[in-house]
N, C-alpha and C. Protein backbone atom coordinates (compact mmCIF):
# COMPACT_ATOMS: atom_id res chain seq x y z
N MET A 1 13.13 -20.90 14.30
CA MET A 1 12.83 -21.05 12.79
C MET A 1 12.46 -19.67 12.36
N ILE A 2 13.13 -19.18 11.29
CA ILE A 2 12.80 -18.04 10.69
C ILE A 2 11.42 -18.01 9.96
N ILE A 3 11.32 -18.96 9.21
CA ILE A 3 10.22 -19.28 8.31
C ILE A 3 9.21 -20.17 8.80
N ASP A 4 7.98 -19.75 9.15
CA ASP A 4 6.86 -20.65 9.63
C ASP A 4 6.44 -21.36 8.40
N PRO A 5 6.30 -22.79 8.41
CA PRO A 5 5.88 -23.40 7.19
C PRO A 5 4.35 -22.94 6.78
N GLN A 6 3.74 -22.56 7.84
CA GLN A 6 2.33 -22.06 7.47
C GLN A 6 2.40 -20.63 6.63
N GLN A 7 3.33 -19.90 6.85
CA GLN A 7 3.48 -18.56 6.04
C GLN A 7 3.65 -19.02 4.70
N LEU A 8 4.53 -19.94 4.48
CA LEU A 8 4.81 -20.37 3.17
C LEU A 8 3.57 -21.03 2.44
N GLU A 9 2.71 -21.66 3.07
CA GLU A 9 1.59 -22.25 2.55
C GLU A 9 0.63 -20.99 2.40
N GLU A 10 0.55 -20.05 3.06
CA GLU A 10 -0.38 -18.98 2.80
C GLU A 10 0.05 -18.24 1.64
N LEU A 11 1.36 -18.09 1.48
CA LEU A 11 1.78 -17.36 0.30
C LEU A 11 1.58 -18.19 -1.02
N GLU A 12 1.73 -19.66 -0.88
CA GLU A 12 1.46 -20.31 -2.05
C GLU A 12 -0.08 -20.39 -2.42
N TYR A 13 -0.85 -20.39 -1.39
CA TYR A 13 -2.40 -20.28 -1.54
C TYR A 13 -2.56 -19.25 -2.38
N LEU A 14 -2.08 -18.05 -1.75
CA LEU A 14 -2.55 -16.60 -2.46
C LEU A 14 -1.97 -16.61 -3.97
N ALA A 15 -0.84 -17.27 -4.12
CA ALA A 15 -0.31 -17.29 -5.44
C ALA A 15 -1.28 -17.98 -6.51
N ASP A 16 -1.85 -19.35 -5.77
CA ASP A 16 -2.76 -19.95 -6.75
C ASP A 16 -3.97 -19.12 -6.82
N GLN A 17 -4.41 -18.32 -5.92
CA GLN A 17 -5.55 -17.50 -5.95
C GLN A 17 -5.33 -16.41 -7.15
N LEU A 18 -4.12 -15.98 -7.11
CA LEU A 18 -3.72 -14.87 -8.19
C LEU A 18 -3.94 -15.50 -9.50
N GLU A 19 -3.40 -16.79 -9.63
CA GLU A 19 -3.58 -17.43 -10.92
C GLU A 19 -4.78 -17.54 -11.49
N SER A 20 -5.71 -17.81 -10.60
CA SER A 20 -7.23 -18.16 -10.81
C SER A 20 -7.83 -16.70 -11.35
N GLY A 21 -7.21 -15.64 -10.90
CA GLY A 21 -7.79 -14.35 -11.42
C GLY A 21 -9.01 -13.70 -10.58
N ASP A 22 -9.48 -14.56 -9.63
CA ASP A 22 -10.55 -14.21 -8.75
C ASP A 22 -10.10 -13.23 -7.72
N TYR A 23 -10.70 -12.10 -7.51
CA TYR A 23 -10.32 -11.06 -6.52
C TYR A 23 -8.70 -10.74 -6.59
N PHE A 24 -8.51 -10.40 -7.99
CA PHE A 24 -6.96 -10.35 -8.32
C PHE A 24 -6.32 -9.23 -7.42
N GLU A 25 -7.07 -8.00 -7.47
CA GLU A 25 -6.40 -6.85 -6.73
C GLU A 25 -6.31 -7.13 -5.23
N GLN A 26 -7.39 -7.48 -4.74
CA GLN A 26 -7.42 -7.98 -3.15
C GLN A 26 -6.22 -8.92 -2.83
N ASN A 27 -6.21 -10.06 -3.62
CA ASN A 27 -5.35 -11.14 -3.36
C ASN A 27 -3.80 -10.48 -3.59
N THR A 28 -3.55 -9.56 -4.71
CA THR A 28 -2.34 -9.18 -4.79
C THR A 28 -1.83 -8.26 -3.60
N ARG A 29 -2.76 -7.45 -3.19
CA ARG A 29 -2.32 -6.66 -2.03
C ARG A 29 -1.98 -7.56 -0.85
N GLU A 30 -2.80 -8.61 -0.57
CA GLU A 30 -2.55 -9.42 0.51
C GLU A 30 -1.13 -10.11 0.41
N PHE A 31 -1.00 -10.59 -0.92
CA PHE A 31 0.25 -11.37 -1.12
C PHE A 31 1.48 -10.48 -0.88
N ILE A 32 1.34 -9.15 -1.36
CA ILE A 32 2.43 -8.16 -1.19
C ILE A 32 2.67 -7.96 0.45
N ARG A 33 1.49 -7.88 1.04
CA ARG A 33 1.62 -7.58 2.58
C ARG A 33 2.41 -8.65 3.15
N ARG A 34 1.98 -10.03 2.94
CA ARG A 34 2.67 -11.10 3.57
C ARG A 34 3.99 -11.23 2.99
N ALA A 35 4.34 -11.21 1.70
CA ALA A 35 5.68 -11.19 1.37
C ALA A 35 6.62 -10.22 1.82
N ASP A 36 6.29 -9.15 1.94
CA ASP A 36 7.05 -7.88 2.62
C ASP A 36 7.11 -8.44 4.10
N ALA A 37 6.19 -8.89 4.90
CA ALA A 37 6.34 -9.28 6.33
C ALA A 37 7.43 -10.34 6.29
N LEU A 38 7.33 -11.40 5.49
CA LEU A 38 8.40 -12.43 5.54
C LEU A 38 9.76 -11.88 5.17
N LYS A 39 9.87 -11.14 4.21
CA LYS A 39 11.22 -10.50 3.80
C LYS A 39 11.66 -9.68 5.22
N ALA A 40 10.95 -9.04 5.77
CA ALA A 40 11.37 -8.20 6.98
C ALA A 40 11.83 -9.11 8.10
N ARG A 41 11.01 -10.27 8.26
CA ARG A 41 11.47 -11.26 9.23
C ARG A 41 12.76 -11.93 8.98
N ILE A 42 13.00 -12.25 7.70
CA ILE A 42 14.19 -12.92 7.36
C ILE A 42 15.46 -11.85 7.50
N TYR A 43 15.20 -10.64 7.15
CA TYR A 43 16.27 -9.59 7.43
C TYR A 43 16.62 -9.42 8.97
N ARG A 44 15.49 -9.58 9.80
CA ARG A 44 15.86 -9.39 11.24
C ARG A 44 16.52 -10.65 11.85
N HIS A 45 16.30 -11.79 11.35
CA HIS A 45 16.81 -13.08 11.92
C HIS A 45 17.96 -13.71 11.18
N CYS A 46 18.41 -13.12 10.05
CA CYS A 46 19.53 -13.80 9.27
C CYS A 46 20.70 -12.93 9.13
N ASP A 47 21.81 -13.54 9.31
CA ASP A 47 23.05 -12.73 9.10
C ASP A 47 23.83 -13.48 8.00
N GLU A 48 23.44 -14.44 7.32
CA GLU A 48 24.18 -15.22 6.30
C GLU A 48 24.28 -14.30 5.09
N PRO A 49 25.40 -13.83 4.59
CA PRO A 49 25.62 -12.82 3.55
C PRO A 49 24.84 -13.34 2.18
N ASP A 50 25.05 -14.71 1.96
CA ASP A 50 24.45 -14.96 0.67
C ASP A 50 23.03 -15.02 0.63
N ILE A 51 22.25 -15.32 1.78
CA ILE A 51 20.81 -15.33 1.70
C ILE A 51 20.33 -13.89 1.64
N LEU A 52 21.15 -12.87 2.38
CA LEU A 52 20.82 -11.56 2.42
C LEU A 52 20.95 -11.03 0.90
N ASP A 53 22.14 -11.34 0.15
CA ASP A 53 22.12 -10.89 -1.03
C ASP A 53 21.02 -11.24 -2.02
N LEU A 54 20.55 -12.55 -1.91
CA LEU A 54 19.49 -12.95 -2.71
C LEU A 54 18.32 -12.27 -2.34
N LEU A 55 18.05 -12.07 -1.06
CA LEU A 55 16.82 -11.17 -0.75
C LEU A 55 16.97 -9.89 -1.19
N ASP A 56 18.15 -9.34 -1.38
CA ASP A 56 18.24 -7.98 -1.93
C ASP A 56 17.92 -7.81 -3.38
N ARG A 57 18.04 -8.99 -4.14
CA ARG A 57 17.92 -9.21 -5.46
C ARG A 57 16.33 -9.39 -5.82
N LEU A 58 15.58 -9.64 -4.83
CA LEU A 58 14.19 -9.99 -5.23
C LEU A 58 13.47 -8.52 -5.60
N PRO A 59 12.79 -8.63 -6.68
CA PRO A 59 12.17 -7.44 -7.19
C PRO A 59 11.08 -7.01 -6.22
N GLU A 60 10.82 -5.61 -6.08
CA GLU A 60 9.62 -5.18 -5.44
C GLU A 60 8.41 -5.55 -6.14
N ILE A 61 7.41 -5.89 -5.58
CA ILE A 61 6.14 -6.05 -6.23
C ILE A 61 5.24 -4.82 -6.04
N GLU A 62 4.96 -4.39 -7.14
CA GLU A 62 3.85 -3.19 -7.27
C GLU A 62 2.55 -3.35 -7.94
N LEU A 63 1.65 -3.03 -7.42
CA LEU A 63 0.32 -3.13 -7.97
C LEU A 63 -0.09 -1.73 -8.92
N GLN A 64 0.12 -2.03 -10.10
CA GLN A 64 -0.16 -0.83 -11.03
C GLN A 64 -1.56 -0.71 -11.20
N PRO A 65 -2.27 0.63 -11.15
CA PRO A 65 -3.72 0.93 -11.36
C PRO A 65 -4.02 0.33 -12.74
N TYR A 66 -5.23 -0.15 -12.91
CA TYR A 66 -5.77 -0.69 -14.12
C TYR A 66 -5.95 0.48 -15.04
N ARG A 67 -5.40 0.33 -16.21
CA ARG A 67 -5.78 1.45 -17.35
C ARG A 67 -6.31 0.67 -18.66
N ARG A 68 -7.43 1.28 -18.89
CA ARG A 68 -8.16 0.71 -20.04
C ARG A 68 -7.49 0.99 -21.32
N SER A 69 -7.61 0.03 -22.25
CA SER A 69 -6.98 -0.03 -23.45
C SER A 69 -7.70 1.09 -24.38
N PHE A 70 -7.01 1.51 -25.43
CA PHE A 70 -7.70 2.40 -26.29
C PHE A 70 -9.13 1.74 -26.86
N LEU A 71 -9.14 0.56 -27.23
CA LEU A 71 -10.40 -0.11 -27.59
C LEU A 71 -11.39 -0.08 -26.51
N GLU A 72 -10.96 -0.38 -25.27
CA GLU A 72 -11.87 -0.39 -24.19
C GLU A 72 -12.54 1.05 -24.06
N GLN A 73 -11.73 2.12 -24.20
CA GLN A 73 -12.19 3.43 -24.04
C GLN A 73 -13.25 3.74 -25.33
N MET A 74 -12.96 3.26 -26.41
CA MET A 74 -13.84 3.53 -27.61
C MET A 74 -15.16 2.85 -27.33
N LEU A 75 -15.20 1.82 -26.68
CA LEU A 75 -16.52 0.93 -26.54
C LEU A 75 -17.15 1.67 -25.45
């Protein structure tokens, strides 16, 4: 089996944590790490063109540094 159900549960849990907003940056980094590992695993074990095409179309997740707004800078 390419995808371990526990991996999906962990990604779902992290997505829920991201939605709650607690430890956002830490959870985002962990989500990115696990999603990239899962993506690499699928690439290694799958040779189905349709699945690989879908995988290629997934956007890269990037964590942008926080930038304060003009109002925050003024305060």
